[in-house]
Structures are given as structure tokens and as C-alpha cells.
Full PDB file with SEQRES, HELIX, SHEET, SSBOND, CRYST1, ORIGX, SCALE, CONECT and MASTER records, all heavy atoms in Angstrom:
SEQRES   1 A   35  GLY THR ILE ASN ARG LYS VAL LEU GLY ALA LYS VAL PHE          
SEQRES   2 A   35  GLY ASN GLN GLU HIS LEU LYS SER LEU THR ASP ILE VAL          
SEQRES   3 A   35  TRP PRO VAL MET ALA GLN MET VAL LYS                          
HELIX    1 AA1 ARG A    5  VAL A   12  1                                   8    
HELIX    2 AA2 GLN A   16  VAL A   34  1                                  19    
CRYST1    1.000    1.000    1.000  90.00  90.00  90.00 P 1           1          
ORIGX1      1.000000  0.000000  0.000000        0.00000                         
ORIGX2      0.000000  1.000000  0.000000        0.00000                         
ORIGX3      0.000000  0.000000  1.000000        0.00000                         
SCALE1      1.000000  0.000000  0.000000        0.00000                         
SCALE2      0.000000  1.000000  0.000000        0.00000                         
SCALE3      0.000000  0.000000  1.000000        0.00000                         
ATOM      1  N   GLY A   1    -145.968 -77.737 104.630  1.00  0.00           N  
ATOM      2  CA  GLY A   1    -145.442 -78.140 105.864  1.00  0.00           C  
ATOM      3  C   GLY A   1    -146.334 -78.002 107.057  1.00  0.00           C  
ATOM      4  O   GLY A   1    -145.888 -78.442 108.161  1.00  0.00           O  
ATOM      5  N   THR A   2    -147.482 -77.404 106.915  1.00  0.00           N  
ATOM      6  CA  THR A   2    -148.405 -77.329 108.045  1.00  0.00           C  
ATOM      7  C   THR A   2    -149.122 -78.609 108.279  1.00  0.00           C  
ATOM      8  O   THR A   2    -149.306 -79.415 107.314  1.00  0.00           O  
ATOM      9  CB  THR A   2    -149.424 -76.193 107.805  1.00  0.00           C  
ATOM     10  OG1 THR A   2    -150.179 -76.420 106.610  1.00  0.00           O  
ATOM     11  CG2 THR A   2    -148.704 -74.818 107.734  1.00  0.00           C  
ATOM     12  N   ILE A   3    -149.589 -78.830 109.462  1.00  0.00           N  
ATOM     13  CA  ILE A   3    -150.336 -80.049 109.784  1.00  0.00           C  
ATOM     14  C   ILE A   3    -151.741 -79.925 109.232  1.00  0.00           C  
ATOM     15  O   ILE A   3    -152.456 -78.879 109.568  1.00  0.00           O  
ATOM     16  CB  ILE A   3    -150.316 -80.321 111.318  1.00  0.00           C  
ATOM     17  CG1 ILE A   3    -148.958 -80.700 111.799  1.00  0.00           C  
ATOM     18  CG2 ILE A   3    -151.339 -81.416 111.662  1.00  0.00           C  
ATOM     19  CD1 ILE A   3    -148.811 -80.858 113.296  1.00  0.00           C  
ATOM     20  N   ASN A   4    -152.209 -80.895 108.500  1.00  0.00           N  
ATOM     21  CA  ASN A   4    -153.579 -80.934 108.008  1.00  0.00           C  
ATOM     22  C   ASN A   4    -154.427 -81.576 109.116  1.00  0.00           C  
ATOM     23  O   ASN A   4    -154.439 -82.776 109.290  1.00  0.00           O  
ATOM     24  CB  ASN A   4    -153.647 -81.828 106.741  1.00  0.00           C  
ATOM     25  CG  ASN A   4    -155.070 -81.703 106.074  1.00  0.00           C  
ATOM     26  OD1 ASN A   4    -156.028 -81.850 106.726  1.00  0.00           O  
ATOM     27  ND2 ASN A   4    -155.033 -81.563 104.698  1.00  0.00           N  
ATOM     28  N   ARG A   5    -155.215 -80.723 109.806  1.00  0.00           N  
ATOM     29  CA  ARG A   5    -155.937 -81.152 110.981  1.00  0.00           C  
ATOM     30  C   ARG A   5    -157.047 -82.189 110.530  1.00  0.00           C  
ATOM     31  O   ARG A   5    -157.380 -83.060 111.376  1.00  0.00           O  
ATOM     32  CB  ARG A   5    -156.541 -80.025 111.693  1.00  0.00           C  
ATOM     33  CG  ARG A   5    -155.415 -79.160 112.413  1.00  0.00           C  
ATOM     34  CD  ARG A   5    -155.984 -77.852 112.918  1.00  0.00           C  
ATOM     35  NE  ARG A   5    -156.902 -78.021 114.015  1.00  0.00           N  
ATOM     36  CZ  ARG A   5    -156.500 -77.997 115.272  1.00  0.00           C  
ATOM     37  NH1 ARG A   5    -155.278 -77.815 115.606  1.00  0.00           N  
ATOM     38  NH2 ARG A   5    -157.361 -78.145 116.280  1.00  0.00           N  
ATOM     39  N   LYS A   6    -157.614 -82.066 109.320  1.00  0.00           N  
ATOM     40  CA  LYS A   6    -158.591 -83.053 108.948  1.00  0.00           C  
ATOM     41  C   LYS A   6    -158.015 -84.455 108.749  1.00  0.00           C  
ATOM     42  O   LYS A   6    -158.595 -85.479 109.130  1.00  0.00           O  
ATOM     43  CB  LYS A   6    -159.256 -82.615 107.548  1.00  0.00           C  
ATOM     44  CG  LYS A   6    -160.236 -81.427 107.761  1.00  0.00           C  
ATOM     45  CD  LYS A   6    -160.946 -81.134 106.424  1.00  0.00           C  
ATOM     46  CE  LYS A   6    -161.969 -80.048 106.613  1.00  0.00           C  
ATOM     47  NZ  LYS A   6    -162.683 -79.706 105.339  1.00  0.00           N  
ATOM     48  N   VAL A   7    -156.810 -84.467 108.126  1.00  0.00           N  
ATOM     49  CA  VAL A   7    -156.107 -85.766 107.921  1.00  0.00           C  
ATOM     50  C   VAL A   7    -155.744 -86.363 109.283  1.00  0.00           C  
ATOM     51  O   VAL A   7    -155.884 -87.582 109.565  1.00  0.00           O  
ATOM     52  CB  VAL A   7    -154.856 -85.612 107.074  1.00  0.00           C  
ATOM     53  CG1 VAL A   7    -154.095 -86.930 106.931  1.00  0.00           C  
ATOM     54  CG2 VAL A   7    -155.255 -85.178 105.675  1.00  0.00           C  
ATOM     55  N   LEU A   8    -155.248 -85.486 110.192  1.00  0.00           N  
ATOM     56  CA  LEU A   8    -154.843 -85.965 111.512  1.00  0.00           C  
ATOM     57  C   LEU A   8    -156.092 -86.429 112.219  1.00  0.00           C  
ATOM     58  O   LEU A   8    -156.111 -87.470 112.949  1.00  0.00           O  
ATOM     59  CB  LEU A   8    -154.183 -84.821 112.284  1.00  0.00           C  
ATOM     60  CG  LEU A   8    -153.826 -85.151 113.761  1.00  0.00           C  
ATOM     61  CD1 LEU A   8    -152.792 -86.261 113.811  1.00  0.00           C  
ATOM     62  CD2 LEU A   8    -153.185 -83.831 114.377  1.00  0.00           C  
ATOM     63  N   GLY A   9    -157.212 -85.723 112.115  1.00  0.00           N  
ATOM     64  CA  GLY A   9    -158.463 -86.055 112.772  1.00  0.00           C  
ATOM     65  C   GLY A   9    -158.948 -87.436 112.335  1.00  0.00           C  
ATOM     66  O   GLY A   9    -159.441 -88.239 113.109  1.00  0.00           O  
ATOM     67  N   ALA A  10    -158.809 -87.701 111.019  1.00  0.00           N  
ATOM     68  CA  ALA A  10    -159.274 -88.958 110.476  1.00  0.00           C  
ATOM     69  C   ALA A  10    -158.442 -90.136 111.057  1.00  0.00           C  
ATOM     70  O   ALA A  10    -158.949 -91.281 111.192  1.00  0.00           O  
ATOM     71  CB  ALA A  10    -159.179 -88.969 108.965  1.00  0.00           C  
ATOM     72  N   LYS A  11    -157.192 -89.827 111.407  1.00  0.00           N  
ATOM     73  CA  LYS A  11    -156.355 -90.852 111.994  1.00  0.00           C  
ATOM     74  C   LYS A  11    -156.676 -91.234 113.444  1.00  0.00           C  
ATOM     75  O   LYS A  11    -156.551 -92.324 113.877  1.00  0.00           O  
ATOM     76  CB  LYS A  11    -154.884 -90.425 111.960  1.00  0.00           C  
ATOM     77  CG  LYS A  11    -154.152 -90.665 110.603  1.00  0.00           C  
ATOM     78  CD  LYS A  11    -152.704 -90.163 110.670  1.00  0.00           C  
ATOM     79  CE  LYS A  11    -151.934 -90.565 109.494  1.00  0.00           C  
ATOM     80  NZ  LYS A  11    -151.548 -92.016 109.548  1.00  0.00           N  
ATOM     81  N   VAL A  12    -157.112 -90.182 114.221  1.00  0.00           N  
ATOM     82  CA  VAL A  12    -157.274 -90.383 115.607  1.00  0.00           C  
ATOM     83  C   VAL A  12    -158.757 -90.615 116.086  1.00  0.00           C  
ATOM     84  O   VAL A  12    -158.963 -91.417 117.019  1.00  0.00           O  
ATOM     85  CB  VAL A  12    -156.655 -89.207 116.472  1.00  0.00           C  
ATOM     86  CG1 VAL A  12    -155.237 -89.038 116.124  1.00  0.00           C  
ATOM     87  CG2 VAL A  12    -157.468 -87.913 116.152  1.00  0.00           C  
ATOM     88  N   PHE A  13    -159.685 -90.037 115.431  1.00  0.00           N  
ATOM     89  CA  PHE A  13    -161.041 -90.206 115.854  1.00  0.00           C  
ATOM     90  C   PHE A  13    -161.618 -91.565 115.512  1.00  0.00           C  
ATOM     91  O   PHE A  13    -161.508 -91.969 114.327  1.00  0.00           O  
ATOM     92  CB  PHE A  13    -161.966 -89.104 115.328  1.00  0.00           C  
ATOM     93  CG  PHE A  13    -161.625 -87.692 115.959  1.00  0.00           C  
ATOM     94  CD1 PHE A  13    -161.105 -86.666 115.159  1.00  0.00           C  
ATOM     95  CD2 PHE A  13    -161.795 -87.494 117.307  1.00  0.00           C  
ATOM     96  CE1 PHE A  13    -160.837 -85.433 115.728  1.00  0.00           C  
ATOM     97  CE2 PHE A  13    -161.452 -86.304 117.899  1.00  0.00           C  
ATOM     98  CZ  PHE A  13    -160.934 -85.271 117.018  1.00  0.00           C  
ATOM     99  N   GLY A  14    -162.109 -92.256 116.540  1.00  0.00           N  
ATOM    100  CA  GLY A  14    -162.574 -93.647 116.276  1.00  0.00           C  
ATOM    101  C   GLY A  14    -161.435 -94.644 116.598  1.00  0.00           C  
ATOM    102  O   GLY A  14    -161.687 -95.838 116.593  1.00  0.00           O  
ATOM    103  N   ASN A  15    -160.191 -94.115 116.932  1.00  0.00           N  
ATOM    104  CA  ASN A  15    -159.165 -95.005 117.269  1.00  0.00           C  
ATOM    105  C   ASN A  15    -158.577 -94.541 118.622  1.00  0.00           C  
ATOM    106  O   ASN A  15    -157.857 -93.529 118.696  1.00  0.00           O  
ATOM    107  CB  ASN A  15    -157.986 -94.932 116.233  1.00  0.00           C  
ATOM    108  CG  ASN A  15    -156.926 -95.926 116.462  1.00  0.00           C  
ATOM    109  OD1 ASN A  15    -156.462 -96.100 117.573  1.00  0.00           O  
ATOM    110  ND2 ASN A  15    -156.481 -96.644 115.454  1.00  0.00           N  
ATOM    111  N   GLN A  16    -159.031 -95.172 119.668  1.00  0.00           N  
ATOM    112  CA  GLN A  16    -158.719 -94.700 121.064  1.00  0.00           C  
ATOM    113  C   GLN A  16    -157.190 -94.709 121.297  1.00  0.00           C  
ATOM    114  O   GLN A  16    -156.659 -93.820 122.050  1.00  0.00           O  
ATOM    115  CB  GLN A  16    -159.378 -95.646 122.081  1.00  0.00           C  
ATOM    116  CG  GLN A  16    -160.914 -95.452 122.185  1.00  0.00           C  
ATOM    117  CD  GLN A  16    -161.271 -94.063 122.593  1.00  0.00           C  
ATOM    118  OE1 GLN A  16    -160.710 -93.477 123.460  1.00  0.00           O  
ATOM    119  NE2 GLN A  16    -162.250 -93.512 121.824  1.00  0.00           N  
ATOM    120  N   GLU A  17    -156.465 -95.643 120.719  1.00  0.00           N  
ATOM    121  CA  GLU A  17    -155.032 -95.697 120.972  1.00  0.00           C  
ATOM    122  C   GLU A  17    -154.312 -94.468 120.330  1.00  0.00           C  
ATOM    123  O   GLU A  17    -153.487 -93.847 120.954  1.00  0.00           O  
ATOM    124  CB  GLU A  17    -154.459 -97.008 120.372  1.00  0.00           C  
ATOM    125  CG  GLU A  17    -152.985 -97.184 120.684  1.00  0.00           C  
ATOM    126  CD  GLU A  17    -152.432 -98.527 120.089  1.00  0.00           C  
ATOM    127  OE1 GLU A  17    -153.232 -99.418 119.813  1.00  0.00           O  
ATOM    128  OE2 GLU A  17    -151.212 -98.609 119.921  1.00  0.00           O  
ATOM    129  N   HIS A  18    -154.755 -94.176 119.077  1.00  0.00           N  
ATOM    130  CA  HIS A  18    -154.122 -92.978 118.392  1.00  0.00           C  
ATOM    131  C   HIS A  18    -154.542 -91.696 119.046  1.00  0.00           C  
ATOM    132  O   HIS A  18    -153.723 -90.749 119.206  1.00  0.00           O  
ATOM    133  CB  HIS A  18    -154.562 -92.949 116.948  1.00  0.00           C  
ATOM    134  CG  HIS A  18    -153.903 -94.006 116.106  1.00  0.00           C  
ATOM    135  ND1 HIS A  18    -154.198 -94.181 114.748  1.00  0.00           N  
ATOM    136  CD2 HIS A  18    -152.884 -94.910 116.409  1.00  0.00           C  
ATOM    137  CE1 HIS A  18    -153.461 -95.138 114.269  1.00  0.00           C  
ATOM    138  NE2 HIS A  18    -152.637 -95.594 115.223  1.00  0.00           N  
ATOM    139  N   LEU A  19    -155.823 -91.622 119.473  1.00  0.00           N  
ATOM    140  CA  LEU A  19    -156.311 -90.467 120.136  1.00  0.00           C  
ATOM    141  C   LEU A  19    -155.527 -90.181 121.461  1.00  0.00           C  
ATOM    142  O   LEU A  19    -155.144 -89.096 121.755  1.00  0.00           O  
ATOM    143  CB  LEU A  19    -157.764 -90.519 120.517  1.00  0.00           C  
ATOM    144  CG  LEU A  19    -158.435 -89.333 121.113  1.00  0.00           C  
ATOM    145  CD1 LEU A  19    -158.324 -88.128 120.240  1.00  0.00           C  
ATOM    146  CD2 LEU A  19    -159.945 -89.636 121.418  1.00  0.00           C  
ATOM    147  N   LYS A  20    -155.232 -91.217 122.239  1.00  0.00           N  
ATOM    148  CA  LYS A  20    -154.494 -91.079 123.413  1.00  0.00           C  
ATOM    149  C   LYS A  20    -153.069 -90.656 123.176  1.00  0.00           C  
ATOM    150  O   LYS A  20    -152.481 -89.841 123.892  1.00  0.00           O  
ATOM    151  CB  LYS A  20    -154.462 -92.392 124.259  1.00  0.00           C  
ATOM    152  CG  LYS A  20    -153.837 -92.243 125.664  1.00  0.00           C  
ATOM    153  CD  LYS A  20    -153.867 -93.541 126.452  1.00  0.00           C  
ATOM    154  CE  LYS A  20    -153.301 -93.382 127.832  1.00  0.00           C  
ATOM    155  NZ  LYS A  20    -152.009 -92.755 127.852  1.00  0.00           N  
ATOM    156  N   SER A  21    -152.518 -91.217 122.068  1.00  0.00           N  
ATOM    157  CA  SER A  21    -151.110 -90.781 121.722  1.00  0.00           C  
ATOM    158  C   SER A  21    -151.056 -89.242 121.465  1.00  0.00           C  
ATOM    159  O   SER A  21    -150.180 -88.573 121.822  1.00  0.00           O  
ATOM    160  CB  SER A  21    -150.671 -91.534 120.473  1.00  0.00           C  
ATOM    161  OG  SER A  21    -150.588 -92.909 120.728  1.00  0.00           O  
ATOM    162  N   LEU A  22    -152.142 -88.763 120.738  1.00  0.00           N  
ATOM    163  CA  LEU A  22    -152.195 -87.345 120.424  1.00  0.00           C  
ATOM    164  C   LEU A  22    -152.360 -86.502 121.657  1.00  0.00           C  
ATOM    165  O   LEU A  22    -151.617 -85.472 121.872  1.00  0.00           O  
ATOM    166  CB  LEU A  22    -153.329 -87.086 119.398  1.00  0.00           C  
ATOM    167  CG  LEU A  22    -153.485 -85.697 118.943  1.00  0.00           C  
ATOM    168  CD1 LEU A  22    -152.223 -85.151 118.225  1.00  0.00           C  
ATOM    169  CD2 LEU A  22    -154.721 -85.492 118.055  1.00  0.00           C  
ATOM    170  N   THR A  23    -153.333 -86.880 122.486  1.00  0.00           N  
ATOM    171  CA  THR A  23    -153.611 -86.082 123.732  1.00  0.00           C  
ATOM    172  C   THR A  23    -152.449 -86.112 124.686  1.00  0.00           C  
ATOM    173  O   THR A  23    -152.116 -85.134 125.342  1.00  0.00           O  
ATOM    174  CB  THR A  23    -154.913 -86.514 124.423  1.00  0.00           C  
ATOM    175  OG1 THR A  23    -154.814 -87.921 124.763  1.00  0.00           O  
ATOM    176  CG2 THR A  23    -156.100 -86.296 123.554  1.00  0.00           C  
ATOM    177  N   ASP A  24    -151.693 -87.244 124.720  1.00  0.00           N  
ATOM    178  CA  ASP A  24    -150.560 -87.318 125.555  1.00  0.00           C  
ATOM    179  C   ASP A  24    -149.452 -86.386 125.129  1.00  0.00           C  
ATOM    180  O   ASP A  24    -148.634 -85.933 125.970  1.00  0.00           O  
ATOM    181  CB  ASP A  24    -150.010 -88.784 125.573  1.00  0.00           C  
ATOM    182  CG  ASP A  24    -150.769 -89.742 126.420  1.00  0.00           C  
ATOM    183  OD1 ASP A  24    -151.642 -89.289 127.181  1.00  0.00           O  
ATOM    184  OD2 ASP A  24    -150.526 -90.982 126.306  1.00  0.00           O  
ATOM    185  N   ILE A  25    -149.433 -86.044 123.831  1.00  0.00           N  
ATOM    186  CA  ILE A  25    -148.477 -85.084 123.337  1.00  0.00           C  
ATOM    187  C   ILE A  25    -148.966 -83.648 123.558  1.00  0.00           C  
ATOM    188  O   ILE A  25    -148.260 -82.789 124.084  1.00  0.00           O  
ATOM    189  CB  ILE A  25    -148.192 -85.297 121.844  1.00  0.00           C  
ATOM    190  CG1 ILE A  25    -147.523 -86.633 121.572  1.00  0.00           C  
ATOM    191  CG2 ILE A  25    -147.343 -84.139 121.242  1.00  0.00           C  
ATOM    192  CD1 ILE A  25    -147.440 -87.021 120.094  1.00  0.00           C  
ATOM    193  N   VAL A  26    -150.224 -83.385 123.118  1.00  0.00           N  
ATOM    194  CA  VAL A  26    -150.681 -82.040 123.056  1.00  0.00           C  
ATOM    195  C   VAL A  26    -151.134 -81.448 124.453  1.00  0.00           C  
ATOM    196  O   VAL A  26    -150.847 -80.334 124.698  1.00  0.00           O  
ATOM    197  CB  VAL A  26    -151.835 -81.957 122.038  1.00  0.00           C  
ATOM    198  CG1 VAL A  26    -152.466 -80.535 121.999  1.00  0.00           C  
ATOM    199  CG2 VAL A  26    -151.369 -82.358 120.652  1.00  0.00           C  
ATOM    200  N   TRP A  27    -151.854 -82.248 125.208  1.00  0.00           N  
ATOM    201  CA  TRP A  27    -152.413 -81.681 126.454  1.00  0.00           C  
ATOM    202  C   TRP A  27    -151.342 -81.165 127.390  1.00  0.00           C  
ATOM    203  O   TRP A  27    -151.489 -80.045 127.972  1.00  0.00           O  
ATOM    204  CB  TRP A  27    -153.355 -82.703 127.159  1.00  0.00           C  
ATOM    205  CG  TRP A  27    -154.609 -82.830 126.452  1.00  0.00           C  
ATOM    206  CD1 TRP A  27    -155.102 -82.167 125.385  1.00  0.00           C  
ATOM    207  CD2 TRP A  27    -155.701 -83.749 126.789  1.00  0.00           C  
ATOM    208  NE1 TRP A  27    -156.371 -82.503 125.067  1.00  0.00           N  
ATOM    209  CE2 TRP A  27    -156.775 -83.528 125.876  1.00  0.00           C  
ATOM    210  CE3 TRP A  27    -155.871 -84.735 127.760  1.00  0.00           C  
ATOM    211  CZ2 TRP A  27    -158.011 -84.201 125.946  1.00  0.00           C  
ATOM    212  CZ3 TRP A  27    -157.063 -85.425 127.827  1.00  0.00           C  
ATOM    213  CH2 TRP A  27    -158.052 -85.169 126.907  1.00  0.00           C  
ATOM    214  N   PRO A  28    -150.249 -81.875 127.660  1.00  0.00           N  
ATOM    215  CA  PRO A  28    -149.197 -81.319 128.520  1.00  0.00           C  
ATOM    216  C   PRO A  28    -148.614 -80.017 127.985  1.00  0.00           C  
ATOM    217  O   PRO A  28    -148.331 -79.070 128.720  1.00  0.00           O  
ATOM    218  CB  PRO A  28    -148.173 -82.412 128.644  1.00  0.00           C  
ATOM    219  CG  PRO A  28    -148.859 -83.617 128.315  1.00  0.00           C  
ATOM    220  CD  PRO A  28    -149.868 -83.284 127.295  1.00  0.00           C  
ATOM    221  N   VAL A  29    -148.492 -79.966 126.671  1.00  0.00           N  
ATOM    222  CA  VAL A  29    -147.981 -78.746 125.995  1.00  0.00           C  
ATOM    223  C   VAL A  29    -148.940 -77.539 126.274  1.00  0.00           C  
ATOM    224  O   VAL A  29    -148.520 -76.512 126.570  1.00  0.00           O  
ATOM    225  CB  VAL A  29    -147.712 -79.004 124.477  1.00  0.00           C  
ATOM    226  CG1 VAL A  29    -147.546 -77.645 123.747  1.00  0.00           C  
ATOM    227  CG2 VAL A  29    -146.564 -79.913 124.304  1.00  0.00           C  
ATOM    228  N   MET A  30    -150.234 -77.881 126.034  1.00  0.00           N  
ATOM    229  CA  MET A  30    -151.279 -76.806 126.184  1.00  0.00           C  
ATOM    230  C   MET A  30    -151.269 -76.397 127.674  1.00  0.00           C  
ATOM    231  O   MET A  30    -151.543 -75.169 127.948  1.00  0.00           O  
ATOM    232  CB  MET A  30    -152.581 -77.298 125.695  1.00  0.00           C  
ATOM    233  CG  MET A  30    -152.687 -77.461 124.218  1.00  0.00           C  
ATOM    234  SD  MET A  30    -154.363 -78.031 123.676  1.00  0.00           S  
ATOM    235  CE  MET A  30    -155.358 -76.673 124.210  1.00  0.00           C  
ATOM    236  N   ALA A  31    -151.124 -77.283 128.613  1.00  0.00           N  
ATOM    237  CA  ALA A  31    -151.199 -76.985 130.056  1.00  0.00           C  
ATOM    238  C   ALA A  31    -150.075 -75.937 130.343  1.00  0.00           C  
ATOM    239  O   ALA A  31    -150.240 -75.006 131.076  1.00  0.00           O  
ATOM    240  CB  ALA A  31    -151.012 -78.200 130.887  1.00  0.00           C  
ATOM    241  N   GLN A  32    -148.873 -76.208 129.752  1.00  0.00           N  
ATOM    242  CA  GLN A  32    -147.762 -75.294 129.910  1.00  0.00           C  
ATOM    243  C   GLN A  32    -148.050 -73.955 129.283  1.00  0.00           C  
ATOM    244  O   GLN A  32    -147.740 -72.878 129.900  1.00  0.00           O  
ATOM    245  CB  GLN A  32    -146.485 -75.929 129.324  1.00  0.00           C  
ATOM    246  CG  GLN A  32    -145.248 -75.149 129.645  1.00  0.00           C  
ATOM    247  CD  GLN A  32    -144.957 -75.041 131.155  1.00  0.00           C  
ATOM    248  OE1 GLN A  32    -145.161 -75.963 131.899  1.00  0.00           O  
ATOM    249  NE2 GLN A  32    -144.618 -73.830 131.575  1.00  0.00           N  
ATOM    250  N   MET A  33    -148.673 -73.977 128.124  1.00  0.00           N  
ATOM    251  CA  MET A  33    -149.022 -72.673 127.415  1.00  0.00           C  
ATOM    252  C   MET A  33    -150.070 -71.899 128.265  1.00  0.00           C  
ATOM    253  O   MET A  33    -149.980 -70.645 128.371  1.00  0.00           O  
ATOM    254  CB  MET A  33    -149.612 -72.919 126.042  1.00  0.00           C  
ATOM    255  CG  MET A  33    -148.552 -73.523 125.113  1.00  0.00           C  
ATOM    256  SD  MET A  33    -149.345 -74.138 123.517  1.00  0.00           S  
ATOM    257  CE  MET A  33    -149.469 -72.559 122.652  1.00  0.00           C  
ATOM    258  N   VAL A  34    -151.006 -72.634 128.947  1.00  0.00           N  
ATOM    259  CA  VAL A  34    -151.990 -71.951 129.798  1.00  0.00           C  
ATOM    260  C   VAL A  34    -151.211 -71.285 130.969  1.00  0.00           C  
ATOM    261  O   VAL A  34    -151.586 -70.126 131.317  1.00  0.00           O  
ATOM    262  CB  VAL A  34    -153.020 -72.949 130.282  1.00  0.00           C  
ATOM    263  CG1 VAL A  34    -153.819 -72.406 131.392  1.00  0.00           C  
ATOM    264  CG2 VAL A  34    -153.940 -73.373 129.169  1.00  0.00           C  
ATOM    265  N   LYS A  35    -150.319 -71.970 131.530  1.00  0.00           N  
ATOM    266  CA  LYS A  35    -149.540 -71.390 132.675  1.00  0.00           C  
ATOM    267  C   LYS A  35    -148.872 -70.157 132.283  1.00  0.00           C  
ATOM    268  O   LYS A  35    -148.770 -69.169 133.033  1.00  0.00           O  
ATOM    269  CB  LYS A  35    -148.651 -72.428 133.225  1.00  0.00           C  
ATOM    270  CG  LYS A  35    -149.309 -73.607 134.009  1.00  0.00           C  
ATOM    271  CD  LYS A  35    -148.324 -74.652 134.438  1.00  0.00           C  
ATOM    272  CE  LYS A  35    -149.036 -75.812 135.134  1.00  0.00           C  
ATOM    273  NZ  LYS A  35    -148.149 -76.927 135.546  1.00  0.00           N  
TER     274      LYS A  35                                                      
MASTER        0    0    0    2    0    0    0    6  273    1    0    3          
END                                                                             
């Protein structure tokens, strides 16, 4: 049930639309964690 980062990476790297979808999810979450 853990996320396979290699499989996820293969989906997003080289695909700007998928990469933006991922960063739109993760970056705000990380910003909150930083705070």
C-alpha cells in the first residue's frame, strides 16, 4: 500500500501536465508541514 516513487516518477517526469498535477498536490502540503 505504499507509494512506489519510481513508478510515480515515471508517470510525471517528461509529462509537464502530470508533473504540475503532482506539485499542485504536494507543494502546498509541504509548505504547511514547513510552517
